[in-house]
Amino acid sequence: MIYPTRCGVKIVPAKDSLLTVSAESTDAVPPLILRDLGGSVLLEVPADGAWTIERLVGLLGSPRACECVIDAFGADVFIGKEWIGGTEV
């Protein structure tokens, strides 16, 4: 399933469970990273709990995220090192 965001990034998780972390997990939840199409970091948002589709769509619809995507003429989004979407989907 593809989840569109206001800034044009489409979230395409491999599986919904990728975006959740067990309450018993002791692993740190990786940050959300927005990169330009060349791989440079545009925006990094530390995790404050588990990532959900709703939370990602909200963050990627923020004025700051939209400004980054527009200025870079496109972007990819990652949770840590895991690609979860982009404008070129």
PDB file of N, CA and C in Angstrom:
ATOM      1  N   MET A   1       0.843  -1.179   0.000  1.00  0.00           N
ATOM      2  CA  MET A   1       0.000   0.000   0.000  1.00  0.00           C
ATOM      3  C   MET A   1       0.887   1.241   0.000  1.00  0.00           C
ATOM      4  N   ILE A   2       0.444   2.275  -0.692  1.00  0.00           N
ATOM      5  CA  ILE A   2       1.169   3.539  -0.769  1.00  0.00           C
ATOM      6  C   ILE A   2       0.397   4.588   0.028  1.00  0.00           C
ATOM      7  N   TYR A   3       1.129   5.328   0.864  1.00  0.00           N
ATOM      8  CA  TYR A   3       0.539   6.376   1.690  1.00  0.00           C
ATOM      9  C   TYR A   3       1.077   7.728   1.224  1.00  0.00           C
ATOM     10  N   PRO A   4       0.254   8.557   0.564  1.00  0.00           N
ATOM     11  CA  PRO A   4       0.727   9.862   0.103  1.00  0.00           C
ATOM     12  C   PRO A   4       0.823  10.857   1.259  1.00  0.00           C
ATOM     13  N   THR A   5       1.718  11.821   1.119  1.00  0.00           N
ATOM     14  CA  THR A   5       1.841  12.889   2.111  1.00  0.00           C
ATOM     15  C   THR A   5       1.672  14.229   1.414  1.00  0.00           C
ATOM     16  N   ARG A   6       1.439  15.251   2.187  1.00  0.00           N
ATOM     17  CA  ARG A   6       1.201  16.594   1.646  1.00  0.00           C
ATOM     18  C   ARG A   6       2.396  17.134   0.871  1.00  0.00           C
ATOM     19  N   CYS A   7       3.608  16.713   1.238  1.00  0.00           N
ATOM     20  CA  CYS A   7       4.806  17.251   0.577  1.00  0.00           C
ATOM     21  C   CYS A   7       5.182  16.481  -0.690  1.00  0.00           C
ATOM     22  N   GLY A   8       4.413  15.456  -1.045  1.00  0.00           N
ATOM     23  CA  GLY A   8       4.694  14.719  -2.268  1.00  0.00           C
ATOM     24  C   GLY A   8       5.468  13.431  -2.073  1.00  0.00           C
ATOM     25  N   VAL A   9       5.965  13.200  -0.865  1.00  0.00           N
ATOM     26  CA  VAL A   9       6.642  11.936  -0.567  1.00  0.00           C
ATOM     27  C   VAL A   9       5.570  10.868  -0.383  1.00  0.00           C
ATOM     28  N   LYS A  10       5.790   9.722  -0.986  1.00  0.00           N
ATOM     29  CA  LYS A  10       4.878   8.593  -0.823  1.00  0.00           C
ATOM     30  C   LYS A  10       5.563   7.545   0.049  1.00  0.00           C
ATOM     31  N   ILE A  11       4.894   7.124   1.119  1.00  0.00           N
ATOM     32  CA  ILE A  11       5.449   6.125   2.028  1.00  0.00           C
ATOM     33  C   ILE A  11       5.038   4.753   1.514  1.00  0.00           C
ATOM     34  N   VAL A  12       6.034   3.883   1.322  1.00  0.00           N
ATOM     35  CA  VAL A  12       5.806   2.546   0.788  1.00  0.00           C
ATOM     36  C   VAL A  12       6.521   1.536   1.691  1.00  0.00           C
ATOM     37  N   PRO A  13       5.992   1.284   2.881  1.00  0.00           N
ATOM     38  CA  PRO A  13       6.677   0.338   3.770  1.00  0.00           C
ATOM     39  C   PRO A  13       6.602  -1.077   3.223  1.00  0.00           C
ATOM     40  N   ALA A  14       7.659  -1.847   3.445  1.00  0.00           N
ATOM     41  CA  ALA A  14       7.676  -3.247   3.008  1.00  0.00           C
ATOM     42  C   ALA A  14       6.557  -4.012   3.697  1.00  0.00           C
ATOM     43  N   LYS A  15       6.318  -3.664   4.947  1.00  0.00           N
ATOM     44  CA  LYS A  15       5.221  -4.247   5.722  1.00  0.00           C
ATOM     45  C   LYS A  15       4.925  -3.293   6.864  1.00  0.00           C
ATOM     46  N   ASP A  16       3.672  -3.234   7.297  1.00  0.00           N
ATOM     47  CA  ASP A  16       3.291  -2.296   8.351  1.00  0.00           C
ATOM     48  C   ASP A  16       4.072  -2.525   9.633  1.00  0.00           C
ATOM     49  N   SER A  17       4.474  -3.764   9.904  1.00  0.00           N
ATOM     50  CA  SER A  17       5.190  -4.045  11.146  1.00  0.00           C
ATOM     51  C   SER A  17       6.548  -3.361  11.180  1.00  0.00           C
ATOM     52  N   LEU A  18       7.061  -2.956  10.022  1.00  0.00           N
ATOM     53  CA  LEU A  18       8.331  -2.233   9.972  1.00  0.00           C
ATOM     54  C   LEU A  18       8.250  -0.955  10.794  1.00  0.00           C
ATOM     55  N   LEU A  19       7.061  -0.397  10.907  1.00  0.00           N
ATOM     56  CA  LEU A  19       6.900   0.903  11.537  1.00  0.00           C
ATOM     57  C   LEU A  19       6.536   0.830  13.013  1.00  0.00           C
ATOM     58  N   THR A  20       6.532  -0.354  13.588  1.00  0.00           N
ATOM     59  CA  THR A  20       6.188  -0.466  14.998  1.00  0.00           C
ATOM     60  C   THR A  20       7.290  -1.183  15.744  1.00  0.00           C
ATOM     61  N   VAL A  21       7.434  -0.843  16.996  1.00  0.00           N
ATOM     62  CA  VAL A  21       8.438  -1.464  17.849  1.00  0.00           C
ATOM     63  C   VAL A  21       7.728  -1.984  19.081  1.00  0.00           C
ATOM     64  N   SER A  22       8.040  -3.185  19.467  1.00  0.00           N
ATOM     65  CA  SER A  22       7.418  -3.796  20.633  1.00  0.00           C
ATOM     66  C   SER A  22       7.714  -2.981  21.882  1.00  0.00           C
ATOM     67  N   ALA A  23       6.753  -2.922  22.782  1.00  0.00           N
ATOM     68  CA  ALA A  23       6.944  -2.209  24.050  1.00  0.00           C
ATOM     69  C   ALA A  23       8.068  -2.831  24.859  1.00  0.00           C
ATOM     70  N   GLU A  24       8.323  -4.133  24.644  1.00  0.00           N
ATOM     71  CA  GLU A  24       9.391  -4.813  25.384  1.00  0.00           C
ATOM     72  C   GLU A  24      10.755  -4.626  24.731  1.00  0.00           C
ATOM     73  N   SER A  25      10.796  -4.043  23.555  1.00  0.00           N
ATOM     74  CA  SER A  25      12.062  -3.886  22.841  1.00  0.00           C
ATOM     75  C   SER A  25      12.990  -2.945  23.599  1.00  0.00           C
ATOM     76  N   THR A  26      14.246  -3.352  23.687  1.00  0.00           N
ATOM     77  CA  THR A  26      15.244  -2.489  24.327  1.00  0.00           C
ATOM     78  C   THR A  26      16.060  -1.746  23.272  1.00  0.00           C
ATOM     79  N   ASP A  27      15.808  -2.037  22.011  1.00  0.00           N
ATOM     80  CA  ASP A  27      16.521  -1.354  20.931  1.00  0.00           C
ATOM     81  C   ASP A  27      16.001   0.074  20.790  1.00  0.00           C
ATOM     82  N   ALA A  28      16.903   0.974  20.506  1.00  0.00           N
ATOM     83  CA  ALA A  28      16.503   2.358  20.254  1.00  0.00           C
ATOM     84  C   ALA A  28      15.767   2.420  18.921  1.00  0.00           C
ATOM     85  N   VAL A  29      14.726   3.217  18.863  1.00  0.00           N
ATOM     86  CA  VAL A  29      13.980   3.392  17.620  1.00  0.00           C
ATOM     87  C   VAL A  29      14.762   4.383  16.757  1.00  0.00           C
ATOM     88  N   PRO A  30      15.095   4.006  15.511  1.00  0.00           N
ATOM     89  CA  PRO A  30      15.893   4.899  14.658  1.00  0.00           C
ATOM     90  C   PRO A  30      15.115   6.149  14.255  1.00  0.00           C
ATOM     91  N   PRO A  31      15.826   7.211  13.904  1.00  0.00           N
ATOM     92  CA  PRO A  31      15.165   8.463  13.518  1.00  0.00           C
ATOM     93  C   PRO A  31      14.575   8.391  12.111  1.00  0.00           C
ATOM     94  N   LEU A  32      13.689   9.321  11.834  1.00  0.00           N
ATOM     95  CA  LEU A  32      13.171   9.540  10.493  1.00  0.00           C
ATOM     96  C   LEU A  32      14.158  10.467   9.795  1.00  0.00           C
ATOM     97  N   ILE A  33      14.603  10.089   8.612  1.00  0.00           N
ATOM     98  CA  ILE A  33      15.581  10.894   7.880  1.00  0.00           C
ATOM     99  C   ILE A  33      15.040  11.186   6.484  1.00  0.00           C
ATOM    100  N   LEU A  34      14.995  12.455   6.147  1.00  0.00           N
ATOM    101  CA  LEU A  34      14.590  12.899   4.818  1.00  0.00           C
ATOM    102  C   LEU A  34      15.863  13.300   4.083  1.00  0.00           C
ATOM    103  N   ARG A  35      16.117  12.659   2.932  1.00  0.00           N
ATOM    104  CA  ARG A  35      17.336  12.927   2.155  1.00  0.00           C
ATOM    105  C   ARG A  35      16.961  13.432   0.767  1.00  0.00           C
ATOM    106  N   ASP A  36      17.824  14.286   0.208  1.00  0.00           N
ATOM    107  CA  ASP A  36      17.595  14.689  -1.177  1.00  0.00           C
ATOM    108  C   ASP A  36      17.931  13.505  -2.078  1.00  0.00           C
ATOM    109  N   LEU A  37      17.669  13.637  -3.364  1.00  0.00           N
ATOM    110  CA  LEU A  37      17.859  12.511  -4.278  1.00  0.00           C
ATOM    111  C   LEU A  37      19.323  12.146  -4.471  1.00  0.00           C
ATOM    112  N   GLY A  38      20.228  13.002  -4.020  1.00  0.00           N
ATOM    113  CA  GLY A  38      21.661  12.710  -4.047  1.00  0.00           C
ATOM    114  C   GLY A  38      22.154  12.063  -2.762  1.00  0.00           C
ATOM    115  N   GLY A  39      21.281  11.949  -1.760  1.00  0.00           N
ATOM    116  CA  GLY A  39      21.635  11.287  -0.510  1.00  0.00           C
ATOM    117  C   GLY A  39      21.989  12.193   0.653  1.00  0.00           C
ATOM    118  N   SER A  40      22.012  13.501   0.444  1.00  0.00           N
ATOM    119  CA  SER A  40      22.331  14.428   1.536  1.00  0.00           C
ATOM    120  C   SER A  40      21.129  14.576   2.473  1.00  0.00           C
ATOM    121  N   VAL A  41      21.407  14.662   3.766  1.00  0.00           N
ATOM    122  CA  VAL A  41      20.341  14.780   4.765  1.00  0.00           C
ATOM    123  C   VAL A  41      19.717  16.172   4.696  1.00  0.00           C
ATOM    124  N   LEU A  42      18.390  16.190   4.559  1.00  0.00           N
ATOM    125  CA  LEU A  42      17.632  17.440   4.562  1.00  0.00           C
ATOM    126  C   LEU A  42      17.028  17.712   5.933  1.00  0.00           C
ATOM    127  N   LEU A  43      16.554  16.641   6.574  1.00  0.00           N
ATOM    128  CA  LEU A  43      15.847  16.768   7.841  1.00  0.00           C
ATOM    129  C   LEU A  43      15.964  15.453   8.587  1.00  0.00           C
ATOM    130  N   GLU A  44      16.235  15.522   9.881  1.00  0.00           N
ATOM    131  CA  GLU A  44      16.287  14.323  10.715  1.00  0.00           C
ATOM    132  C   GLU A  44      15.409  14.561  11.935  1.00  0.00           C
ATOM    133  N   VAL A  45      14.486  13.627  12.175  1.00  0.00           N
ATOM    134  CA  VAL A  45      13.558  13.741  13.296  1.00  0.00           C
ATOM    135  C   VAL A  45      13.783  12.557  14.222  1.00  0.00           C
ATOM    136  N   PRO A  46      14.233  12.814  15.460  1.00  0.00           N
ATOM    137  CA  PRO A  46      14.442  11.701  16.380  1.00  0.00           C
ATOM    138  C   PRO A  46      13.115  11.032  16.720  1.00  0.00           C
ATOM    139  N   ALA A  47      13.176   9.746  16.961  1.00  0.00           N
ATOM    140  CA  ALA A  47      11.976   8.995  17.328  1.00  0.00           C
ATOM    141  C   ALA A  47      11.577   9.350  18.752  1.00  0.00           C
ATOM    142  N   ASP A  48      10.292   9.463  18.957  1.00  0.00           N
ATOM    143  CA  ASP A  48       9.741   9.675  20.292  1.00  0.00           C
ATOM    144  C   ASP A  48       8.673   8.602  20.466  1.00  0.00           C
ATOM    145  N   GLY A  49       9.132   7.356  20.500  1.00  0.00           N
ATOM    146  CA  GLY A  49       8.222   6.221  20.489  1.00  0.00           C
ATOM    147  C   GLY A  49       8.237   5.567  19.124  1.00  0.00           C
ATOM    148  N   ALA A  50       7.344   4.639  18.929  1.00  0.00           N
ATOM    149  CA  ALA A  50       7.292   3.882  17.677  1.00  0.00           C
ATOM    150  C   ALA A  50       6.789   4.756  16.531  1.00  0.00           C
ATOM    151  N   TRP A  51       7.287   4.478  15.334  1.00  0.00           N
ATOM    152  CA  TRP A  51       6.801   5.162  14.140  1.00  0.00           C
ATOM    153  C   TRP A  51       5.520   4.479  13.678  1.00  0.00           C
ATOM    154  N   THR A  52       4.528   5.258  13.345  1.00  0.00           N
ATOM    155  CA  THR A  52       3.289   4.745  12.763  1.00  0.00           C
ATOM    156  C   THR A  52       3.063   5.472  11.441  1.00  0.00           C
ATOM    157  N   ILE A  53       2.245   4.901  10.593  1.00  0.00           N
ATOM    158  CA  ILE A  53       1.919   5.554   9.321  1.00  0.00           C
ATOM    159  C   ILE A  53       1.329   6.938   9.585  1.00  0.00           C
ATOM    160  N   GLU A  54       0.412   7.028  10.533  1.00  0.00           N
ATOM    161  CA  GLU A  54      -0.239   8.302  10.822  1.00  0.00           C
ATOM    162  C   GLU A  54       0.778   9.361  11.248  1.00  0.00           C
ATOM    163  N   ARG A  55       1.703   8.968  12.090  1.00  0.00           N
ATOM    164  CA  ARG A  55       2.725   9.904  12.571  1.00  0.00           C
ATOM    165  C   ARG A  55       3.648  10.338  11.425  1.00  0.00           C
ATOM    166  N   LEU A  56       4.049   9.380  10.587  1.00  0.00           N
ATOM    167  CA  LEU A  56       4.911   9.707   9.449  1.00  0.00           C
ATOM    168  C   LEU A  56       4.213  10.651   8.475  1.00  0.00           C
ATOM    169  N   VAL A  57       2.956  10.363   8.158  1.00  0.00           N
ATOM    170  CA  VAL A  57       2.202  11.224   7.240  1.00  0.00           C
ATOM    171  C   VAL A  57       2.093  12.633   7.825  1.00  0.00           C
ATOM    172  N   GLY A  58       1.853  12.719   9.126  1.00  0.00           N
ATOM    173  CA  GLY A  58       1.771  14.026   9.777  1.00  0.00           C
ATOM    174  C   GLY A  58       3.086  14.791   9.720  1.00  0.00           C
ATOM    175  N   LEU A  59       4.177  14.127  10.049  1.00  0.00           N
ATOM    176  CA  LEU A  59       5.489  14.786  10.030  1.00  0.00           C
ATOM    177  C   LEU A  59       5.893  15.206   8.623  1.00  0.00           C
ATOM    178  N   LEU A  60       5.615  14.338   7.653  1.00  0.00           N
ATOM    179  CA  LEU A  60       5.991  14.653   6.271  1.00  0.00           C
ATOM    180  C   LEU A  60       5.041  15.650   5.620  1.00  0.00           C
ATOM    181  N   GLY A  61       3.973  15.993   6.303  1.00  0.00           N
ATOM    182  CA  GLY A  61       3.066  17.031   5.833  1.00  0.00           C
ATOM    183  C   GLY A  61       3.339  18.377   6.479  1.00  0.00           C
ATOM    184  N   SER A  62       4.351  18.426   7.338  1.00  0.00           N
ATOM    185  CA  SER A  62       4.672  19.675   8.040  1.00  0.00           C
ATOM    186  C   SER A  62       5.259  20.695   7.065  1.00  0.00           C
ATOM    187  N   PRO A  63       5.102  21.981   7.373  1.00  0.00           N
ATOM    188  CA  PRO A  63       5.685  23.012   6.500  1.00  0.00           C
ATOM    189  C   PRO A  63       7.195  22.838   6.307  1.00  0.00           C
ATOM    190  N   ARG A  64       7.910  22.461   7.354  1.00  0.00           N
ATOM    191  CA  ARG A  64       9.373  22.292   7.247  1.00  0.00           C
ATOM    192  C   ARG A  64       9.724  21.174   6.269  1.00  0.00           C
ATOM    193  N   ALA A  65       9.056  20.018   6.387  1.00  0.00           N
ATOM    194  CA  ALA A  65       9.332  18.897   5.480  1.00  0.00           C
ATOM    195  C   ALA A  65       8.985  19.276   4.043  1.00  0.00           C
ATOM    196  N   CYS A  66       7.857  19.933   3.850  1.00  0.00           N
ATOM    197  CA  CYS A  66       7.453  20.340   2.499  1.00  0.00           C
ATOM    198  C   CYS A  66       8.458  21.312   1.891  1.00  0.00           C
ATOM    199  N   GLU A  67       8.945  22.243   2.693  1.00  0.00           N
ATOM    200  CA  GLU A  67       9.953  23.193   2.220  1.00  0.00           C
ATOM    201  C   GLU A  67      11.225  22.466   1.784  1.00  0.00           C
ATOM    202  N   CYS A  68      11.652  21.484   2.575  1.00  0.00           N
ATOM    203  CA  CYS A  68      12.859  20.711   2.232  1.00  0.00           C
ATOM    204  C   CYS A  68      12.687  19.978   0.908  1.00  0.00           C
ATOM    205  N   VAL A  69      11.539  19.331   0.725  1.00  0.00           N
ATOM    206  CA  VAL A  69      11.282  18.555  -0.492  1.00  0.00           C
ATOM    207  C   VAL A  69      11.214  19.470  -1.714  1.00  0.00           C
ATOM    208  N   ILE A  70      10.528  20.585  -1.581  1.00  0.00           N
ATOM    209  CA  ILE A  70      10.405  21.523  -2.703  1.00  0.00           C
ATOM    210  C   ILE A  70      11.765  22.095  -3.083  1.00  0.00           C
ATOM    211  N   ASP A  71      12.526  22.536  -2.087  1.00  0.00           N
ATOM    212  CA  ASP A  71      13.845  23.125  -2.355  1.00  0.00           C
ATOM    213  C   ASP A  71      14.807  22.124  -2.992  1.00  0.00           C
ATOM    214  N   ALA A  72      14.658  20.835  -2.642  1.00  0.00           N
ATOM    215  CA  ALA A  72      15.561  19.798  -3.159  1.00  0.00           C
ATOM    216  C   ALA A  72      15.046  19.175  -4.460  1.00  0.00           C
ATOM    217  N   PHE A  73      13.854  19.567  -4.905  1.00  0.00           N
ATOM    218  CA  PHE A  73      13.240  18.998  -6.111  1.00  0.00           C
ATOM    219  C   PHE A  73      13.022  17.496  -5.995  1.00  0.00           C
ATOM    220  N   GLY A  74      12.735  17.016  -4.790  1.00  0.00           N
ATOM    221  CA  GLY A  74      12.467  15.600  -4.562  1.00  0.00           C
ATOM    222  C   GLY A  74      13.226  15.101  -3.356  1.00  0.00           C
ATOM    223  N   ALA A  75      12.784  13.957  -2.829  1.00  0.00           N
ATOM    224  CA  ALA A  75      13.437  13.418  -1.633  1.00  0.00           C
ATOM    225  C   ALA A  75      13.084  11.954  -1.446  1.00  0.00           C
ATOM    226  N   ASP A  76      13.905  11.290  -0.649  1.00  0.00           N
ATOM    227  CA  ASP A  76      13.646   9.931  -0.176  1.00  0.00           C
ATOM    228  C   ASP A  76      13.527   9.994   1.339  1.00  0.00           C
ATOM    229  N   VAL A  77      12.752   9.088   1.904  1.00  0.00           N
ATOM    230  CA  VAL A  77      12.572   9.064   3.357  1.00  0.00           C
ATOM    231  C   VAL A  77      12.998   7.700   3.899  1.00  0.00           C
ATOM    232  N   PHE A  78      13.654   7.737   5.035  1.00  0.00           N
ATOM    233  CA  PHE A  78      14.193   6.542   5.677  1.00  0.00           C
ATOM    234  C   PHE A  78      13.820   6.533   7.151  1.00  0.00           C
ATOM    235  N   ILE A  79      13.704   5.341   7.708  1.00  0.00           N
ATOM    236  CA  ILE A  79      13.714   5.167   9.156  1.00  0.00           C
ATOM    237  C   ILE A  79      15.050   4.506   9.426  1.00  0.00           C
ATOM    238  N   GLY A  80      15.959   5.287   9.998  1.00  0.00           N
ATOM    239  CA  GLY A  80      17.333   4.805  10.133  1.00  0.00           C
ATOM    240  C   GLY A  80      17.920   4.624   8.749  1.00  0.00           C
ATOM    241  N   LYS A  81      18.344   3.408   8.428  1.00  0.00           N
ATOM    242  CA  LYS A  81      18.921   3.110   7.108  1.00  0.00           C
ATOM    243  C   LYS A  81      17.912   2.476   6.156  1.00  0.00           C
ATOM    244  N   GLU A  82      16.698   2.225   6.651  1.00  0.00           N
ATOM    245  CA  GLU A  82      15.670   1.521   5.873  1.00  0.00           C
ATOM    246  C   GLU A  82      14.846   2.507   5.042  1.00  0.00           C
ATOM    247  N   TRP A  83      14.931   2.395   3.706  1.00  0.00           N
ATOM    248  CA  TRP A  83      14.147   3.242   2.810  1.00  0.00           C
ATOM    249  C   TRP A  83      12.677   2.890   2.956  1.00  0.00           C
ATOM    250  N   ILE A  84      11.824   3.905   3.136  1.00  0.00           N
ATOM    251  CA  ILE A  84      10.386   3.636   3.245  1.00  0.00           C
ATOM    252  C   ILE A  84       9.557   4.432   2.244  1.00  0.00           C
ATOM    253  N   GLY A  85      10.209   5.236   1.397  1.00  0.00           N
ATOM    254  CA  GLY A  85       9.444   5.958   0.396  1.00  0.00           C
ATOM    255  C   GLY A  85      10.201   7.120  -0.206  1.00  0.00           C
ATOM    256  N   GLY A  86       9.515   7.843  -1.089  1.00  0.00           N
ATOM    257  CA  GLY A  86      10.135   8.985  -1.737  1.00  0.00           C
ATOM    258  C   GLY A  86       9.182   9.648  -2.708  1.00  0.00           C
ATOM    259  N   THR A  87       9.670  10.696  -3.341  1.00  0.00           N
ATOM    260  CA  THR A  87       8.859  11.421  -4.315  1.00  0.00           C
ATOM    261  C   THR A  87       8.861  10.741  -5.677  1.00  0.00           C
ATOM    262  N   GLU A  88       9.827   9.885  -5.915  1.00  0.00           N
ATOM    263  CA  GLU A  88       9.966   9.246  -7.229  1.00  0.00           C
ATOM    264  C   GLU A  88       9.289   7.879  -7.292  1.00  0.00           C
ATOM    265  N   VAL A  89       8.344   7.630  -6.409  1.00  0.00           N
ATOM    266  CA  VAL A  89       7.643   6.334  -6.376  1.00  0.00           C
ATOM    267  C   VAL A  89       6.577   6.332  -7.438  1.00  0.00           C
TER     268      VAL A  89
END
